[in-house]
């Protein structure tokens, strides 16, 4: 399969150099979608010597879901059979990418969800939020994964056509899960490393309540 790595990015100047260094030996095409960054992230990206790296740009911040869609659209329009999504904040270990590639090539899953060990180093609020999201989505859409808001995941082109999401923000992973359940796509989970550089970043309680409201809306509309 032809597989692209898609990385949404917004203001990650502290971590992007290390992320690029960790990806330097990767042979996959890499698409980084700068989602309106106002720091030096893009300047650092442009200094990268990775020849297979492409930078796409949103002039203003549209949200993670929008950046993921921009990257996926580009990849699939340029011959990708599947994409792997990875965050730009250094909390996804590139060493895990080969496991996604192996599952895509050998076992023909539509969607592969990364699953962290939530009992190791995960802030309590996020741990509880994850568990609540898992139960709610299982009740409403008949699908269960242990880590529904992990952004490390892979989607094939055929699956993307069926589950193309509407969420522009942090609800995107939960919407993808709901649409996978709704369309009864073949999926699996694989373990990925648990890494937290900044426990104050990411989904807040306000974000979580917003996503919960969206889940109830999706039950009626998708």
N, C-alpha and C. Protein backbone atom coordinates (compact mmCIF):
# COMPACT_ATOMS: atom_id res chain seq x y z
N UNK A 1 0.83 -1.19 0.00
CA UNK A 1 0.00 0.00 0.00
C UNK A 1 0.87 1.25 0.00
N UNK A 2 0.38 2.29 -0.67
CA UNK A 2 1.05 3.59 -0.59
C UNK A 2 0.45 4.34 0.59
N UNK A 3 1.28 4.63 1.57
CA UNK A 3 0.81 5.20 2.84
C UNK A 3 1.50 6.54 3.08
N UNK A 4 0.71 7.55 3.42
CA UNK A 4 1.22 8.87 3.77
C UNK A 4 1.08 9.06 5.28
N UNK A 5 2.03 9.78 5.87
CA UNK A 5 1.91 10.23 7.25
C UNK A 5 1.39 11.66 7.24
N UNK A 6 0.30 11.93 7.96
CA UNK A 6 -0.30 13.26 8.03
C UNK A 6 -0.19 13.79 9.46
N UNK A 7 0.40 14.98 9.58
CA UNK A 7 0.64 15.57 10.90
C UNK A 7 0.01 16.95 10.99
N UNK A 8 -1.09 17.11 11.72
CA UNK A 8 -1.63 18.46 11.97
C UNK A 8 -0.74 19.18 12.97
N UNK A 9 -0.50 20.46 12.73
CA UNK A 9 0.42 21.19 13.59
C UNK A 9 -0.11 22.58 13.91
N UNK A 10 -0.02 22.96 15.17
CA UNK A 10 -0.35 24.33 15.59
C UNK A 10 0.53 24.72 16.77
N UNK A 11 1.45 25.65 16.52
CA UNK A 11 2.30 26.22 17.58
C UNK A 11 3.03 25.15 18.40
N UNK A 12 3.90 24.41 17.73
CA UNK A 12 4.67 23.36 18.41
C UNK A 12 6.17 23.61 18.26
N UNK A 13 6.60 24.86 18.41
CA UNK A 13 8.01 25.18 18.21
C UNK A 13 8.94 24.47 19.20
N UNK A 14 8.43 24.11 20.37
CA UNK A 14 9.27 23.46 21.37
C UNK A 14 9.59 22.01 21.00
N UNK A 15 8.68 21.36 20.28
CA UNK A 15 8.82 19.93 20.04
C UNK A 15 9.11 19.56 18.59
N UNK A 16 8.86 20.46 17.64
CA UNK A 16 8.87 20.06 16.23
C UNK A 16 10.24 19.59 15.76
N UNK A 17 11.33 20.19 16.26
CA UNK A 17 12.66 19.74 15.82
C UNK A 17 12.91 18.29 16.22
N UNK A 18 12.51 17.92 17.44
CA UNK A 18 12.69 16.55 17.88
C UNK A 18 11.80 15.60 17.09
N UNK A 19 10.58 16.04 16.80
CA UNK A 19 9.67 15.21 16.00
C UNK A 19 10.28 14.95 14.63
N UNK A 20 10.79 16.00 13.99
CA UNK A 20 11.40 15.85 12.66
C UNK A 20 12.63 14.95 12.72
N UNK A 21 13.41 15.10 13.76
CA UNK A 21 14.59 14.24 13.92
C UNK A 21 14.19 12.77 14.06
N UNK A 22 13.13 12.52 14.81
CA UNK A 22 12.66 11.15 15.00
C UNK A 22 12.08 10.56 13.71
N UNK A 23 11.62 11.44 12.81
CA UNK A 23 11.02 10.98 11.55
C UNK A 23 12.03 10.90 10.41
N UNK A 24 13.26 11.27 10.66
CA UNK A 24 14.24 11.43 9.58
C UNK A 24 14.52 10.13 8.82
N UNK A 25 14.37 8.99 9.49
CA UNK A 25 14.64 7.71 8.84
C UNK A 25 13.38 7.07 8.25
N UNK A 26 12.25 7.72 8.43
CA UNK A 26 11.00 7.17 7.92
C UNK A 26 10.96 7.30 6.40
N UNK A 27 10.49 6.27 5.72
CA UNK A 27 10.46 6.28 4.26
C UNK A 27 9.11 6.72 3.69
N UNK A 28 8.11 6.92 4.53
CA UNK A 28 6.80 7.35 4.05
C UNK A 28 6.80 8.83 3.66
N UNK A 29 5.99 9.23 2.68
CA UNK A 29 5.77 10.65 2.44
C UNK A 29 5.13 11.29 3.68
N UNK A 30 5.57 12.48 4.04
CA UNK A 30 5.08 13.16 5.23
C UNK A 30 4.41 14.46 4.84
N UNK A 31 3.16 14.64 5.25
CA UNK A 31 2.43 15.87 5.00
C UNK A 31 2.14 16.54 6.34
N UNK A 32 2.74 17.70 6.56
CA UNK A 32 2.48 18.48 7.77
C UNK A 32 1.53 19.61 7.40
N UNK A 33 0.43 19.71 8.13
CA UNK A 33 -0.54 20.77 7.87
C UNK A 33 -0.42 21.81 8.98
N UNK A 34 0.17 22.95 8.64
CA UNK A 34 0.29 24.03 9.60
C UNK A 34 -1.06 24.72 9.72
N UNK A 35 -1.65 24.63 10.90
CA UNK A 35 -2.99 25.16 11.12
C UNK A 35 -2.92 26.56 11.74
N UNK A 36 -2.38 27.50 10.97
CA UNK A 36 -2.35 28.89 11.41
C UNK A 36 -1.40 29.16 12.56
N UNK A 37 -0.25 28.50 12.59
CA UNK A 37 0.71 28.72 13.68
C UNK A 37 1.22 30.16 13.69
N UNK A 38 1.43 30.68 14.90
CA UNK A 38 1.93 32.05 15.05
C UNK A 38 3.31 32.07 15.70
N UNK A 39 3.90 30.89 15.96
CA UNK A 39 5.24 30.81 16.55
C UNK A 39 6.25 30.47 15.45
N UNK A 40 7.35 29.89 15.79
CA UNK A 40 8.39 29.59 14.81
C UNK A 40 8.32 28.17 14.25
N UNK A 41 7.20 27.50 14.45
CA UNK A 41 7.07 26.11 13.99
C UNK A 41 7.36 25.97 12.50
N UNK A 42 6.75 26.82 11.70
CA UNK A 42 6.88 26.70 10.25
C UNK A 42 8.31 26.98 9.80
N UNK A 43 8.93 27.98 10.41
CA UNK A 43 10.33 28.29 10.06
C UNK A 43 11.22 27.08 10.32
N UNK A 44 10.97 26.40 11.43
CA UNK A 44 11.76 25.20 11.74
C UNK A 44 11.45 24.08 10.75
N UNK A 45 10.21 23.95 10.36
CA UNK A 45 9.84 22.94 9.36
C UNK A 45 10.58 23.17 8.05
N UNK A 46 10.64 24.43 7.64
CA UNK A 46 11.24 24.76 6.35
C UNK A 46 12.75 24.52 6.34
N UNK A 47 13.35 24.43 7.50
CA UNK A 47 14.79 24.15 7.59
C UNK A 47 15.08 22.65 7.56
N UNK A 48 14.03 21.84 7.58
CA UNK A 48 14.21 20.40 7.59
C UNK A 48 14.86 19.92 6.30
N UNK A 49 15.71 18.92 6.40
CA UNK A 49 16.36 18.32 5.24
C UNK A 49 15.64 17.07 4.75
N UNK A 50 14.47 16.78 5.31
CA UNK A 50 13.71 15.61 4.89
C UNK A 50 13.09 15.90 3.52
N UNK A 51 13.53 15.19 2.50
CA UNK A 51 13.11 15.48 1.12
C UNK A 51 11.66 15.12 0.86
N UNK A 52 11.13 14.17 1.59
CA UNK A 52 9.76 13.71 1.35
C UNK A 52 8.75 14.46 2.21
N UNK A 53 9.17 15.58 2.80
CA UNK A 53 8.30 16.38 3.67
C UNK A 53 7.62 17.48 2.86
N UNK A 54 6.29 17.56 2.97
CA UNK A 54 5.52 18.61 2.33
C UNK A 54 4.77 19.39 3.40
N UNK A 55 4.76 20.71 3.28
CA UNK A 55 4.06 21.57 4.23
C UNK A 55 2.85 22.18 3.55
N UNK A 56 1.67 21.96 4.10
CA UNK A 56 0.44 22.63 3.67
C UNK A 56 0.07 23.64 4.75
N UNK A 57 -0.58 24.74 4.36
CA UNK A 57 -0.79 25.83 5.30
C UNK A 57 -2.23 26.31 5.34
N UNK A 58 -2.78 26.43 6.54
CA UNK A 58 -4.00 27.19 6.79
C UNK A 58 -3.56 28.58 7.26
N UNK A 59 -4.03 29.62 6.62
CA UNK A 59 -3.61 30.97 7.00
C UNK A 59 -4.11 31.34 8.40
N UNK A 60 -5.24 30.76 8.80
CA UNK A 60 -5.77 30.99 10.14
C UNK A 60 -6.01 29.63 10.79
N UNK A 61 -6.12 29.61 12.10
CA UNK A 61 -6.34 28.38 12.84
C UNK A 61 -7.78 27.89 12.65
N UNK A 62 -7.93 26.74 12.01
CA UNK A 62 -9.25 26.18 11.73
C UNK A 62 -9.59 25.02 12.66
N UNK A 63 -8.60 24.46 13.34
CA UNK A 63 -8.85 23.35 14.25
C UNK A 63 -8.21 22.06 13.77
N UNK A 64 -7.96 21.16 14.71
CA UNK A 64 -7.28 19.91 14.40
C UNK A 64 -8.01 19.07 13.36
N UNK A 65 -9.33 18.97 13.50
CA UNK A 65 -10.10 18.16 12.56
C UNK A 65 -9.99 18.69 11.14
N UNK A 66 -9.99 20.01 10.99
CA UNK A 66 -9.85 20.62 9.68
C UNK A 66 -8.47 20.36 9.10
N UNK A 67 -7.44 20.44 9.94
CA UNK A 67 -6.07 20.18 9.47
C UNK A 67 -5.90 18.72 9.05
N UNK A 68 -6.49 17.81 9.80
CA UNK A 68 -6.43 16.40 9.43
C UNK A 68 -7.11 16.16 8.09
N UNK A 69 -8.24 16.82 7.86
CA UNK A 69 -8.96 16.65 6.61
C UNK A 69 -8.16 17.21 5.44
N UNK A 70 -7.54 18.37 5.63
CA UNK A 70 -6.71 18.95 4.57
C UNK A 70 -5.58 17.99 4.18
N UNK A 71 -4.92 17.42 5.19
CA UNK A 71 -3.83 16.49 4.92
C UNK A 71 -4.30 15.21 4.26
N UNK A 72 -5.42 14.68 4.73
CA UNK A 72 -5.96 13.44 4.15
C UNK A 72 -6.41 13.66 2.72
N UNK A 73 -7.09 14.77 2.46
CA UNK A 73 -7.54 15.07 1.10
C UNK A 73 -6.35 15.13 0.15
N UNK A 74 -5.29 15.81 0.57
CA UNK A 74 -4.10 15.90 -0.28
C UNK A 74 -3.52 14.51 -0.53
N UNK A 75 -3.38 13.73 0.52
CA UNK A 75 -2.77 12.40 0.38
C UNK A 75 -3.56 11.52 -0.57
N UNK A 76 -4.86 11.46 -0.39
CA UNK A 76 -5.67 10.58 -1.22
C UNK A 76 -5.78 11.10 -2.66
N UNK A 77 -5.74 12.40 -2.84
CA UNK A 77 -5.74 12.95 -4.20
C UNK A 77 -4.42 12.71 -4.92
N UNK A 78 -3.38 12.34 -4.15
CA UNK A 78 -2.07 12.12 -4.73
C UNK A 78 -1.60 10.67 -4.60
N UNK A 79 -2.56 9.78 -4.62
CA UNK A 79 -2.25 8.36 -4.77
C UNK A 79 -2.16 7.53 -3.52
N UNK A 80 -2.45 8.09 -2.35
CA UNK A 80 -2.36 7.31 -1.11
C UNK A 80 -3.47 6.27 -1.05
N UNK A 81 -3.13 5.10 -0.55
CA UNK A 81 -4.13 4.06 -0.25
C UNK A 81 -4.59 4.17 1.19
N UNK A 82 -3.75 4.79 2.03
CA UNK A 82 -4.08 4.96 3.45
C UNK A 82 -3.25 6.10 4.01
N UNK A 83 -3.71 6.65 5.12
CA UNK A 83 -2.94 7.66 5.83
C UNK A 83 -2.82 7.26 7.30
N UNK A 84 -1.72 7.65 7.88
CA UNK A 84 -1.52 7.50 9.32
C UNK A 84 -1.48 8.91 9.90
N UNK A 85 -2.32 9.18 10.89
CA UNK A 85 -2.33 10.48 11.56
C UNK A 85 -1.45 10.42 12.81
N UNK A 86 -0.65 11.46 12.99
CA UNK A 86 0.22 11.55 14.14
C UNK A 86 0.28 13.00 14.60
N UNK A 87 0.25 13.24 15.91
CA UNK A 87 0.31 14.60 16.43
C UNK A 87 1.73 15.16 16.35
N UNK A 88 1.82 16.49 16.38
CA UNK A 88 3.11 17.17 16.22
C UNK A 88 3.75 17.56 17.54
N UNK A 89 3.15 17.15 18.65
CA UNK A 89 3.63 17.63 19.95
C UNK A 89 4.63 16.70 20.63
N UNK A 90 5.11 15.70 19.91
CA UNK A 90 6.09 14.79 20.47
C UNK A 90 5.54 13.72 21.37
N UNK A 91 4.21 13.61 21.45
CA UNK A 91 3.61 12.62 22.34
C UNK A 91 3.23 11.32 21.63
N UNK A 92 3.59 11.23 20.34
CA UNK A 92 3.44 9.98 19.60
C UNK A 92 4.82 9.52 19.17
N UNK A 93 5.14 8.29 19.45
CA UNK A 93 6.46 7.75 19.15
C UNK A 93 6.51 7.23 17.71
N UNK A 94 7.35 7.83 16.84
CA UNK A 94 7.43 7.36 15.45
C UNK A 94 7.79 5.89 15.32
N UNK A 95 8.39 5.30 16.34
CA UNK A 95 8.71 3.88 16.28
C UNK A 95 7.46 3.02 16.16
N UNK A 96 6.31 3.56 16.60
CA UNK A 96 5.06 2.81 16.50
C UNK A 96 4.48 2.80 15.10
N UNK A 97 4.98 3.67 14.20
CA UNK A 97 4.42 3.78 12.86
C UNK A 97 4.51 2.47 12.10
N UNK A 98 5.63 1.76 12.25
CA UNK A 98 5.80 0.50 11.52
C UNK A 98 4.73 -0.51 11.89
N UNK A 99 4.19 -0.43 13.10
CA UNK A 99 3.12 -1.35 13.50
C UNK A 99 1.82 -1.04 12.75
N UNK A 100 1.55 0.25 12.55
CA UNK A 100 0.39 0.63 11.74
C UNK A 100 0.56 0.13 10.30
N UNK A 101 1.75 0.34 9.74
CA UNK A 101 2.02 -0.07 8.37
C UNK A 101 1.83 -1.57 8.20
N UNK A 102 2.33 -2.34 9.16
CA UNK A 102 2.21 -3.79 9.09
C UNK A 102 0.74 -4.22 9.11
N UNK A 103 -0.05 -3.61 10.00
CA UNK A 103 -1.47 -3.96 10.08
C UNK A 103 -2.20 -3.60 8.79
N UNK A 104 -1.88 -2.43 8.23
CA UNK A 104 -2.54 -2.01 6.99
C UNK A 104 -2.21 -2.96 5.84
N UNK A 105 -0.97 -3.36 5.76
CA UNK A 105 -0.53 -4.18 4.63
C UNK A 105 -0.93 -5.65 4.75
N UNK A 106 -0.87 -6.18 5.95
CA UNK A 106 -1.04 -7.62 6.11
C UNK A 106 -2.44 -8.04 6.50
N UNK A 107 -3.14 -7.19 7.24
CA UNK A 107 -4.42 -7.63 7.80
C UNK A 107 -5.63 -6.88 7.26
N UNK A 108 -5.40 -5.88 6.41
CA UNK A 108 -6.47 -5.24 5.64
C UNK A 108 -7.58 -4.64 6.50
N UNK A 109 -7.21 -3.97 7.56
CA UNK A 109 -8.20 -3.25 8.35
C UNK A 109 -8.55 -1.93 7.67
N UNK A 110 -9.78 -1.46 7.88
CA UNK A 110 -10.21 -0.16 7.37
C UNK A 110 -9.64 0.97 8.22
N UNK A 111 -9.68 0.77 9.52
CA UNK A 111 -9.22 1.80 10.47
C UNK A 111 -8.44 1.11 11.58
N UNK A 112 -7.35 1.75 11.99
CA UNK A 112 -6.54 1.24 13.09
C UNK A 112 -6.39 2.34 14.13
N UNK A 113 -6.82 2.06 15.34
CA UNK A 113 -6.75 3.03 16.43
C UNK A 113 -5.54 2.75 17.32
N UNK A 114 -4.76 3.78 17.61
CA UNK A 114 -3.72 3.63 18.61
C UNK A 114 -4.32 3.62 20.00
N UNK A 115 -3.75 2.83 20.87
CA UNK A 115 -4.29 2.71 22.23
C UNK A 115 -3.15 2.82 23.23
N UNK A 116 -3.19 3.87 24.05
CA UNK A 116 -2.18 4.07 25.09
C UNK A 116 -2.54 3.30 26.35
N UNK A 117 -1.53 3.05 27.14
CA UNK A 117 -1.75 2.47 28.47
C UNK A 117 -2.23 3.61 29.38
N UNK A 118 -3.53 3.71 29.57
CA UNK A 118 -4.10 4.86 30.27
C UNK A 118 -3.84 4.85 31.77
N UNK A 119 -3.27 3.78 32.26
CA UNK A 119 -2.94 3.75 33.69
C UNK A 119 -1.51 4.22 33.94
N UNK A 120 -0.82 4.59 32.85
CA UNK A 120 0.58 4.98 32.98
C UNK A 120 0.79 6.42 32.52
N UNK A 121 0.89 7.34 33.47
CA UNK A 121 1.28 8.70 33.15
C UNK A 121 0.20 9.58 32.56
N UNK A 122 -1.03 9.11 32.49
CA UNK A 122 -2.10 9.91 31.91
C UNK A 122 -2.80 10.70 33.01
N UNK A 123 -2.97 12.02 32.83
CA UNK A 123 -3.66 12.82 33.85
C UNK A 123 -5.05 12.24 34.15
N UNK A 124 -5.46 12.31 35.42
CA UNK A 124 -6.71 11.69 35.86
C UNK A 124 -7.91 12.19 35.07
N UNK A 125 -7.97 13.49 34.82
CA UNK A 125 -9.12 14.04 34.09
C UNK A 125 -9.24 13.41 32.71
N UNK A 126 -8.10 13.25 32.03
CA UNK A 126 -8.15 12.66 30.69
C UNK A 126 -8.47 11.17 30.76
N UNK A 127 -7.96 10.50 31.79
CA UNK A 127 -8.27 9.08 31.97
C UNK A 127 -9.77 8.87 32.12
N UNK A 128 -10.39 9.67 33.00
CA UNK A 128 -11.83 9.54 33.22
C UNK A 128 -12.61 9.94 31.98
N UNK A 129 -12.17 11.01 31.32
CA UNK A 129 -12.85 11.45 30.10
C UNK A 129 -12.81 10.38 29.02
N UNK A 130 -11.68 9.71 28.89
CA UNK A 130 -11.55 8.64 27.92
C UNK A 130 -12.52 7.50 28.20
N UNK A 131 -12.60 7.12 29.48
CA UNK A 131 -13.47 6.00 29.84
C UNK A 131 -14.94 6.33 29.61
N UNK A 132 -15.33 7.55 29.95
CA UNK A 132 -16.71 7.98 29.71
C UNK A 132 -17.02 7.97 28.22
N UNK A 133 -16.09 8.51 27.42
CA UNK A 133 -16.29 8.54 25.97
C UNK A 133 -16.41 7.13 25.40
N UNK A 134 -15.59 6.21 25.88
CA UNK A 134 -15.65 4.82 25.41
C UNK A 134 -17.02 4.21 25.65
N UNK A 135 -17.55 4.42 26.86
CA UNK A 135 -18.85 3.84 27.22
C UNK A 135 -19.98 4.48 26.43
N UNK A 136 -19.97 5.81 26.32
CA UNK A 136 -21.04 6.51 25.61
C UNK A 136 -21.08 6.11 24.14
N UNK A 137 -19.92 6.07 23.49
CA UNK A 137 -19.88 5.70 22.07
C UNK A 137 -20.31 4.25 21.88
N UNK A 138 -19.94 3.39 22.82
CA UNK A 138 -20.36 2.00 22.70
C UNK A 138 -21.88 1.88 22.78
N UNK A 139 -22.49 2.62 23.70
CA UNK A 139 -23.95 2.57 23.87
C UNK A 139 -24.66 3.11 22.63
N UNK A 140 -24.15 4.23 22.10
CA UNK A 140 -24.85 4.92 21.01
C UNK A 140 -24.53 4.38 19.63
N UNK A 141 -23.31 3.84 19.44
CA UNK A 141 -22.90 3.44 18.10
C UNK A 141 -22.42 1.99 18.00
N UNK A 142 -22.44 1.26 19.11
CA UNK A 142 -22.12 -0.16 19.07
C UNK A 142 -20.67 -0.46 18.78
N UNK A 143 -19.77 0.45 19.11
CA UNK A 143 -18.35 0.22 18.88
C UNK A 143 -17.58 0.61 20.13
N UNK A 144 -16.59 -0.22 20.50
CA UNK A 144 -15.80 0.07 21.69
C UNK A 144 -14.32 0.05 21.36
N UNK A 145 -13.62 1.11 21.72
CA UNK A 145 -12.16 1.10 21.75
C UNK A 145 -11.75 1.70 23.09
N UNK A 146 -10.59 1.28 23.56
CA UNK A 146 -10.18 1.64 24.92
C UNK A 146 -9.66 3.08 25.04
N UNK A 147 -9.24 3.67 23.91
CA UNK A 147 -8.64 5.00 23.95
C UNK A 147 -9.20 5.85 22.81
N UNK A 148 -10.46 6.28 22.93
CA UNK A 148 -11.15 6.91 21.80
C UNK A 148 -10.62 8.27 21.39
N UNK A 149 -9.83 8.94 22.24
CA UNK A 149 -9.35 10.27 21.85
C UNK A 149 -7.86 10.27 21.52
N UNK A 150 -7.29 9.11 21.28
CA UNK A 150 -5.90 9.05 20.84
C UNK A 150 -5.81 9.49 19.38
N UNK A 151 -4.94 10.45 19.08
CA UNK A 151 -4.83 10.97 17.72
C UNK A 151 -3.93 10.16 16.81
N UNK A 152 -3.34 9.08 17.32
CA UNK A 152 -2.45 8.23 16.55
C UNK A 152 -3.31 7.13 15.94
N UNK A 153 -3.62 7.23 14.65
CA UNK A 153 -4.51 6.26 14.03
C UNK A 153 -4.29 6.23 12.52
N UNK A 154 -4.84 5.22 11.88
CA UNK A 154 -4.69 5.06 10.43
C UNK A 154 -6.05 4.79 9.79
N UNK A 155 -6.21 5.31 8.56
CA UNK A 155 -7.47 5.17 7.85
C UNK A 155 -7.17 4.88 6.37
N UNK A 156 -7.85 3.92 5.79
CA UNK A 156 -7.69 3.65 4.37
C UNK A 156 -8.54 4.62 3.55
N UNK A 157 -8.23 4.67 2.27
CA UNK A 157 -8.97 5.57 1.38
C UNK A 157 -10.45 5.19 1.32
N UNK A 158 -10.75 3.90 1.22
CA UNK A 158 -12.14 3.46 1.15
C UNK A 158 -12.90 3.83 2.42
N UNK A 159 -12.25 3.70 3.56
CA UNK A 159 -12.90 4.06 4.82
C UNK A 159 -13.10 5.57 4.91
N UNK A 160 -12.12 6.34 4.46
CA UNK A 160 -12.21 7.80 4.52
C UNK A 160 -13.41 8.32 3.75
N UNK A 161 -13.67 7.72 2.61
CA UNK A 161 -14.83 8.13 1.81
C UNK A 161 -16.12 7.96 2.60
N UNK A 162 -16.19 6.92 3.42
CA UNK A 162 -17.41 6.62 4.17
C UNK A 162 -17.53 7.43 5.45
N UNK A 163 -16.40 7.83 6.05
CA UNK A 163 -16.47 8.43 7.39
C UNK A 163 -15.98 9.87 7.40
N UNK A 164 -15.89 10.50 6.27
CA UNK A 164 -15.36 11.87 6.20
C UNK A 164 -16.10 12.75 7.22
N UNK A 165 -15.35 13.23 8.17
CA UNK A 165 -15.92 13.87 9.34
C UNK A 165 -16.24 15.34 9.12
N UNK A 166 -17.04 15.88 10.05
CA UNK A 166 -17.41 17.30 10.02
C UNK A 166 -16.70 18.09 11.12
N UNK A 167 -16.25 17.42 12.16
CA UNK A 167 -15.61 18.11 13.28
C UNK A 167 -14.36 18.84 12.81
N UNK A 168 -14.22 20.08 13.25
CA UNK A 168 -13.00 20.83 12.94
C UNK A 168 -12.03 20.85 14.12
N UNK A 169 -12.53 20.56 15.32
CA UNK A 169 -11.70 20.67 16.51
C UNK A 169 -11.36 19.33 17.12
N UNK A 170 -11.30 19.33 18.48
CA UNK A 170 -10.84 18.14 19.21
C UNK A 170 -11.84 16.98 19.18
N UNK A 171 -13.05 17.20 18.70
CA UNK A 171 -14.01 16.11 18.64
C UNK A 171 -13.78 15.16 17.49
N UNK A 172 -12.77 15.43 16.67
CA UNK A 172 -12.60 14.66 15.44
C UNK A 172 -12.38 13.18 15.70
N UNK A 173 -11.55 12.82 16.69
CA UNK A 173 -11.29 11.40 16.93
C UNK A 173 -12.56 10.66 17.36
N UNK A 174 -13.37 11.31 18.19
CA UNK A 174 -14.61 10.68 18.64
C UNK A 174 -15.60 10.54 17.49
N UNK A 175 -15.65 11.55 16.62
CA UNK A 175 -16.55 11.45 15.46
C UNK A 175 -16.10 10.33 14.52
N UNK A 176 -14.80 10.21 14.30
CA UNK A 176 -14.30 9.12 13.46
C UNK A 176 -14.74 7.78 14.04
N UNK A 177 -14.59 7.61 15.34
CA UNK A 177 -14.99 6.36 15.99
C UNK A 177 -16.49 6.10 15.80
N UNK A 178 -17.30 7.14 16.00
CA UNK A 178 -18.74 6.98 15.83
C UNK A 178 -19.09 6.57 14.40
N UNK A 179 -18.43 7.17 13.43
CA UNK A 179 -18.72 6.86 12.03
C UNK A 179 -18.20 5.48 11.64
N UNK A 180 -17.11 5.04 12.24
CA UNK A 180 -16.65 3.68 12.01
C UNK A 180 -17.69 2.68 12.51
N UNK A 181 -18.24 2.95 13.70
CA UNK A 181 -19.28 2.09 14.22
C UNK A 181 -20.53 2.12 13.38
N UNK A 182 -20.94 3.29 12.96
CA UNK A 182 -22.15 3.44 12.15
C UNK A 182 -22.04 2.69 10.83
N UNK A 183 -20.86 2.73 10.22
CA UNK A 183 -20.65 2.10 8.92
C UNK A 183 -20.14 0.67 9.03
N UNK A 184 -19.98 0.18 10.27
CA UNK A 184 -19.57 -1.20 10.52
C UNK A 184 -18.28 -1.55 9.77
N UNK A 185 -17.31 -0.67 9.86
CA UNK A 185 -16.04 -0.89 9.21
C UNK A 185 -15.15 -1.83 10.04
N UNK A 186 -14.23 -2.47 9.36
CA UNK A 186 -13.31 -3.39 10.04
C UNK A 186 -12.21 -2.58 10.72
N UNK A 187 -12.08 -2.75 12.03
CA UNK A 187 -11.10 -1.95 12.77
C UNK A 187 -10.39 -2.81 13.81
N UNK A 188 -9.30 -2.26 14.30
CA UNK A 188 -8.59 -2.89 15.40
C UNK A 188 -7.87 -1.81 16.20
N UNK A 189 -7.36 -2.19 17.36
CA UNK A 189 -6.51 -1.32 18.17
C UNK A 189 -5.11 -1.92 18.23
N UNK A 190 -4.11 -1.05 18.28
CA UNK A 190 -2.75 -1.52 18.53
C UNK A 190 -2.15 -0.66 19.64
N UNK A 191 -1.32 -1.24 20.48
CA UNK A 191 -0.72 -0.46 21.57
C UNK A 191 0.28 0.57 21.03
N UNK A 192 0.24 1.78 21.58
CA UNK A 192 1.22 2.81 21.27
C UNK A 192 1.77 3.35 22.58
N UNK A 193 2.95 3.94 22.51
CA UNK A 193 3.59 4.43 23.71
C UNK A 193 2.81 5.58 24.34
N UNK A 194 2.88 5.68 25.65
CA UNK A 194 2.25 6.76 26.40
C UNK A 194 3.32 7.79 26.75
N UNK A 195 3.22 8.97 26.14
CA UNK A 195 4.21 10.03 26.35
C UNK A 195 3.47 11.34 26.64
N UNK A 196 3.83 12.00 27.73
CA UNK A 196 3.25 13.30 28.05
C UNK A 196 4.37 14.29 28.36
N UNK A 197 4.53 15.30 27.48
CA UNK A 197 5.49 16.37 27.73
C UNK A 197 4.86 17.50 28.54
N UNK A 198 3.59 17.74 28.29
CA UNK A 198 2.89 18.87 28.92
C UNK A 198 1.49 18.42 29.29
N UNK A 199 1.28 18.16 30.57
CA UNK A 199 0.00 17.62 31.01
C UNK A 199 -1.11 18.66 31.01
N UNK A 200 -0.76 19.94 30.78
CA UNK A 200 -1.78 20.98 30.75
C UNK A 200 -2.30 21.23 29.34
N UNK A 201 -1.66 20.62 28.35
CA UNK A 201 -2.11 20.81 26.97
C UNK A 201 -3.14 19.77 26.60
N UNK A 202 -3.83 20.04 25.48
CA UNK A 202 -4.77 19.05 24.96
C UNK A 202 -6.21 19.36 25.32
N UNK A 203 -7.00 18.30 25.40
CA UNK A 203 -8.44 18.45 25.60
C UNK A 203 -8.74 18.90 27.03
N UNK A 204 -9.50 19.99 27.17
CA UNK A 204 -9.91 20.48 28.47
C UNK A 204 -11.28 19.91 28.83
N UNK A 205 -11.73 20.16 30.08
CA UNK A 205 -13.06 19.71 30.47
C UNK A 205 -14.14 20.38 29.62
N UNK A 206 -13.93 21.65 29.27
CA UNK A 206 -14.89 22.34 28.41
C UNK A 206 -14.95 21.66 27.04
N UNK A 207 -13.77 21.32 26.51
CA UNK A 207 -13.75 20.58 25.24
C UNK A 207 -14.50 19.26 25.37
N UNK A 208 -14.28 18.57 26.49
CA UNK A 208 -14.89 17.25 26.69
C UNK A 208 -16.42 17.34 26.71
N UNK A 209 -16.96 18.34 27.40
CA UNK A 209 -18.41 18.50 27.43
C UNK A 209 -18.95 18.85 26.05
N UNK A 210 -18.18 19.63 25.29
CA UNK A 210 -18.59 19.96 23.93
C UNK A 210 -18.64 18.72 23.06
N UNK A 211 -17.64 17.85 23.21
CA UNK A 211 -17.61 16.61 22.44
C UNK A 211 -18.78 15.70 22.82
N UNK A 212 -19.11 15.66 24.12
CA UNK A 212 -20.24 14.85 24.56
C UNK A 212 -21.53 15.32 23.89
N UNK A 213 -21.71 16.62 23.80
CA UNK A 213 -22.88 17.16 23.10
C UNK A 213 -22.88 16.78 21.64
N UNK A 214 -21.69 16.79 21.04
CA UNK A 214 -21.58 16.42 19.63
C UNK A 214 -21.93 14.95 19.43
N UNK A 215 -21.52 14.09 20.37
CA UNK A 215 -21.81 12.67 20.26
C UNK A 215 -23.33 12.43 20.21
N UNK A 216 -24.05 13.14 21.05
CA UNK A 216 -25.51 13.01 21.04
C UNK A 216 -26.10 13.51 19.73
N UNK A 217 -25.52 14.57 19.19
CA UNK A 217 -25.98 15.09 17.89
C UNK A 217 -25.70 14.09 16.78
N UNK A 218 -24.50 13.48 16.80
CA UNK A 218 -24.16 12.51 15.75
C UNK A 218 -25.08 11.31 15.77
N UNK A 219 -25.56 10.96 16.96
CA UNK A 219 -26.48 9.81 17.06
C UNK A 219 -27.74 10.05 16.24
N UNK A 220 -28.11 11.31 16.09
CA UNK A 220 -29.32 11.66 15.35
C UNK A 220 -29.08 11.97 13.89
N UNK A 221 -27.82 12.30 13.55
CA UNK A 221 -27.57 12.83 12.20
C UNK A 221 -26.69 11.96 11.30
N UNK A 222 -25.97 10.97 11.86
CA UNK A 222 -25.12 10.17 10.99
C UNK A 222 -25.59 8.71 10.96
